[in-house]
Amino acid sequence: MSKLESSPIRIKSFQFACEIVHYCDVLKNNKDFEIASQLLRSGTSIGANTREAQRGVSTKDLMEKCEELMRILVAIIKNS
Protein backbone atom coordinates (compact mmCIF):
# COMPACT_ATOMS: atom_id res chain seq x y z
CA MET A 1 0.00 0.00 0.00
CA SER A 2 1.45 3.37 -1.01
CA LYS A 3 1.59 6.43 1.22
CA LEU A 4 -1.27 8.01 -0.72
CA GLU A 5 -3.48 4.95 -0.34
CA SER A 6 -2.93 4.90 3.41
CA SER A 7 -3.42 8.63 3.98
CA PRO A 8 -6.01 9.49 6.63
CA ILE A 9 -8.08 11.69 4.32
CA ARG A 10 -8.37 8.95 1.68
CA ILE A 11 -9.32 6.32 4.25
CA LYS A 12 -11.87 8.60 5.95
CA SER A 13 -13.35 9.80 2.67
CA PHE A 14 -13.75 6.19 1.51
CA GLN A 15 -15.43 5.20 4.79
CA PHE A 16 -17.70 8.24 4.53
CA ALA A 17 -18.64 7.32 0.96
CA CYS A 18 -19.49 3.76 2.05
CA GLU A 19 -21.76 5.10 4.79
CA ILE A 20 -23.43 7.42 2.27
CA VAL A 21 -24.09 4.48 -0.06
CA HIS A 22 -25.70 2.48 2.74
CA TYR A 23 -27.81 5.44 3.84
CA CYS A 24 -28.93 6.05 0.26
CA ASP A 25 -30.18 2.46 0.19
CA VAL A 26 -32.35 3.28 3.20
CA LEU A 27 -33.66 6.40 1.47
CA LYS A 28 -34.48 4.40 -1.66
CA ASN A 29 -36.37 1.85 0.44
CA ASN A 30 -38.41 4.78 1.79
CA LYS A 31 -39.04 5.89 -1.81
CA ASP A 32 -36.95 9.07 -1.42
CA PHE A 33 -35.31 8.50 -4.80
CA GLU A 34 -34.44 12.09 -5.70
CA ILE A 35 -32.81 12.84 -2.35
CA ALA A 36 -30.94 9.53 -2.46
CA SER A 37 -29.63 10.27 -5.94
CA GLN A 38 -28.41 13.76 -5.02
CA LEU A 39 -26.85 12.58 -1.77
CA LEU A 40 -25.11 9.70 -3.49
CA ARG A 41 -23.48 12.02 -6.05
CA SER A 42 -22.39 14.66 -3.57
CA GLY A 43 -21.44 12.30 -0.73
CA THR A 44 -19.20 10.10 -2.83
CA SER A 45 -17.50 12.91 -4.77
CA ILE A 46 -15.21 13.74 -1.83
CA GLY A 47 -13.15 10.64 -2.58
CA ALA A 48 -12.55 11.70 -6.17
CA ASN A 49 -11.78 15.24 -5.07
CA THR A 50 -9.21 14.15 -2.48
CA ARG A 51 -7.49 11.81 -4.95
CA GLU A 52 -7.28 14.60 -7.51
CA ALA A 53 -5.94 17.03 -4.92
CA GLN A 54 -3.19 14.61 -3.85
CA ARG A 55 -1.70 14.08 -7.30
CA GLY A 56 1.47 15.95 -8.12
CA VAL A 57 2.00 17.35 -4.63
CA SER A 58 4.85 16.66 -2.25
CA THR A 59 4.13 14.67 0.90
CA LYS A 60 4.73 17.70 3.12
CA ASP A 61 2.34 19.85 1.06
CA LEU A 62 -0.17 16.95 1.03
CA MET A 63 -0.14 16.61 4.82
CA GLU A 64 -0.48 20.35 5.36
CA LYS A 65 -3.45 20.48 2.99
CA CYS A 66 -5.05 17.43 4.62
CA GLU A 67 -4.66 18.93 8.06
CA GLU A 68 -6.10 22.22 6.84
CA LEU A 69 -9.04 20.41 5.26
CA MET A 70 -9.64 18.47 8.47
CA ARG A 71 -9.62 21.70 10.50
CA ILE A 72 -12.13 23.26 8.10
CA LEU A 73 -14.40 20.21 8.21
CA VAL A 74 -14.27 20.07 12.01
CA ALA A 75 -15.15 23.76 12.23
CA ILE A 76 -18.11 23.25 9.89
CA ILE A 77 -19.37 20.29 11.95
CA LYS A 78 -18.99 22.16 15.24
CA ASN A 79 -20.90 25.17 13.89
CA SER A 80 -23.77 23.23 12.30
C-alpha atoms as a PDB file:
ATOM      1  CA  MET A   1       0.000   0.000   0.000  1.00  0.00           C
ATOM      2  CA  SER A   2       1.454   3.367  -1.005  1.00  0.00           C
ATOM      3  CA  LYS A   3       1.592   6.428   1.220  1.00  0.00           C
ATOM      4  CA  LEU A   4      -1.271   8.014  -0.716  1.00  0.00           C
ATOM      5  CA  GLU A   5      -3.477   4.952  -0.342  1.00  0.00           C
ATOM      6  CA  SER A   6      -2.929   4.900   3.412  1.00  0.00           C
ATOM      7  CA  SER A   7      -3.416   8.632   3.976  1.00  0.00           C
ATOM      8  CA  PRO A   8      -6.015   9.491   6.635  1.00  0.00           C
ATOM      9  CA  ILE A   9      -8.078  11.686   4.325  1.00  0.00           C
ATOM     10  CA  ARG A  10      -8.373   8.946   1.685  1.00  0.00           C
ATOM     11  CA  ILE A  11      -9.319   6.323   4.252  1.00  0.00           C
ATOM     12  CA  LYS A  12     -11.867   8.596   5.954  1.00  0.00           C
ATOM     13  CA  SER A  13     -13.354   9.797   2.669  1.00  0.00           C
ATOM     14  CA  PHE A  14     -13.750   6.187   1.507  1.00  0.00           C
ATOM     15  CA  GLN A  15     -15.425   5.196   4.787  1.00  0.00           C
ATOM     16  CA  PHE A  16     -17.701   8.236   4.529  1.00  0.00           C
ATOM     17  CA  ALA A  17     -18.641   7.319   0.957  1.00  0.00           C
ATOM     18  CA  CYS A  18     -19.489   3.763   2.049  1.00  0.00           C
ATOM     19  CA  GLU A  19     -21.757   5.096   4.795  1.00  0.00           C
ATOM     20  CA  ILE A  20     -23.427   7.416   2.271  1.00  0.00           C
ATOM     21  CA  VAL A  21     -24.094   4.482  -0.063  1.00  0.00           C
ATOM     22  CA  HIS A  22     -25.701   2.484   2.744  1.00  0.00           C
ATOM     23  CA  TYR A  23     -27.808   5.445   3.845  1.00  0.00           C
ATOM     24  CA  CYS A  24     -28.933   6.049   0.264  1.00  0.00           C
ATOM     25  CA  ASP A  25     -30.179   2.457   0.186  1.00  0.00           C
ATOM     26  CA  VAL A  26     -32.349   3.280   3.205  1.00  0.00           C
ATOM     27  CA  LEU A  27     -33.662   6.400   1.475  1.00  0.00           C
ATOM     28  CA  LYS A  28     -34.482   4.399  -1.664  1.00  0.00           C
ATOM     29  CA  ASN A  29     -36.370   1.847   0.442  1.00  0.00           C
ATOM     30  CA  ASN A  30     -38.407   4.780   1.786  1.00  0.00           C
ATOM     31  CA  LYS A  31     -39.044   5.892  -1.805  1.00  0.00           C
ATOM     32  CA  ASP A  32     -36.950   9.068  -1.422  1.00  0.00           C
ATOM     33  CA  PHE A  33     -35.307   8.498  -4.797  1.00  0.00           C
ATOM     34  CA  GLU A  34     -34.442  12.092  -5.704  1.00  0.00           C
ATOM     35  CA  ILE A  35     -32.809  12.841  -2.354  1.00  0.00           C
ATOM     36  CA  ALA A  36     -30.936   9.527  -2.455  1.00  0.00           C
ATOM     37  CA  SER A  37     -29.634  10.273  -5.938  1.00  0.00           C
ATOM     38  CA  GLN A  38     -28.414  13.758  -5.024  1.00  0.00           C
ATOM     39  CA  LEU A  39     -26.847  12.584  -1.766  1.00  0.00           C
ATOM     40  CA  LEU A  40     -25.107   9.701  -3.494  1.00  0.00           C
ATOM     41  CA  ARG A  41     -23.484  12.018  -6.054  1.00  0.00           C
ATOM     42  CA  SER A  42     -22.387  14.658  -3.573  1.00  0.00           C
ATOM     43  CA  GLY A  43     -21.441  12.303  -0.730  1.00  0.00           C
ATOM     44  CA  THR A  44     -19.200  10.102  -2.830  1.00  0.00           C
ATOM     45  CA  SER A  45     -17.502  12.906  -4.766  1.00  0.00           C
ATOM     46  CA  ILE A  46     -15.212  13.741  -1.827  1.00  0.00           C
ATOM     47  CA  GLY A  47     -13.147  10.643  -2.581  1.00  0.00           C
ATOM     48  CA  ALA A  48     -12.547  11.702  -6.170  1.00  0.00           C
ATOM     49  CA  ASN A  49     -11.775  15.243  -5.075  1.00  0.00           C
ATOM     50  CA  THR A  50      -9.214  14.154  -2.484  1.00  0.00           C
ATOM     51  CA  ARG A  51      -7.490  11.808  -4.948  1.00  0.00           C
ATOM     52  CA  GLU A  52      -7.280  14.605  -7.511  1.00  0.00           C
ATOM     53  CA  ALA A  53      -5.936  17.028  -4.921  1.00  0.00           C
ATOM     54  CA  GLN A  54      -3.192  14.610  -3.849  1.00  0.00           C
ATOM     55  CA  ARG A  55      -1.701  14.075  -7.296  1.00  0.00           C
ATOM     56  CA  GLY A  56       1.475  15.952  -8.118  1.00  0.00           C
ATOM     57  CA  VAL A  57       2.004  17.348  -4.630  1.00  0.00           C
ATOM     58  CA  SER A  58       4.850  16.663  -2.251  1.00  0.00           C
ATOM     59  CA  THR A  59       4.126  14.668   0.898  1.00  0.00           C
ATOM     60  CA  LYS A  60       4.730  17.702   3.118  1.00  0.00           C
ATOM     61  CA  ASP A  61       2.345  19.845   1.063  1.00  0.00           C
ATOM     62  CA  LEU A  62      -0.173  16.951   1.030  1.00  0.00           C
ATOM     63  CA  MET A  63      -0.140  16.609   4.824  1.00  0.00           C
ATOM     64  CA  GLU A  64      -0.484  20.352   5.360  1.00  0.00           C
ATOM     65  CA  LYS A  65      -3.451  20.484   2.995  1.00  0.00           C
ATOM     66  CA  CYS A  66      -5.045  17.428   4.617  1.00  0.00           C
ATOM     67  CA  GLU A  67      -4.659  18.934   8.063  1.00  0.00           C
ATOM     68  CA  GLU A  68      -6.095  22.222   6.838  1.00  0.00           C
ATOM     69  CA  LEU A  69      -9.042  20.412   5.261  1.00  0.00           C
ATOM     70  CA  MET A  70      -9.642  18.475   8.468  1.00  0.00           C
ATOM     71  CA  ARG A  71      -9.619  21.702  10.497  1.00  0.00           C
ATOM     72  CA  ILE A  72     -12.126  23.260   8.102  1.00  0.00           C
ATOM     73  CA  LEU A  73     -14.401  20.211   8.207  1.00  0.00           C
ATOM     74  CA  VAL A  74     -14.269  20.069  12.011  1.00  0.00           C
ATOM     75  CA  ALA A  75     -15.153  23.761  12.227  1.00  0.00           C
ATOM     76  CA  ILE A  76     -18.112  23.245   9.891  1.00  0.00           C
ATOM     77  CA  ILE A  77     -19.368  20.290  11.946  1.00  0.00           C
ATOM     78  CA  LYS A  78     -18.989  22.163  15.241  1.00  0.00           C
ATOM     79  CA  ASN A  79     -20.901  25.167  13.890  1.00  0.00           C
ATOM     80  CA  SER A  80     -23.767  23.230  12.297  1.00  0.00           C
END
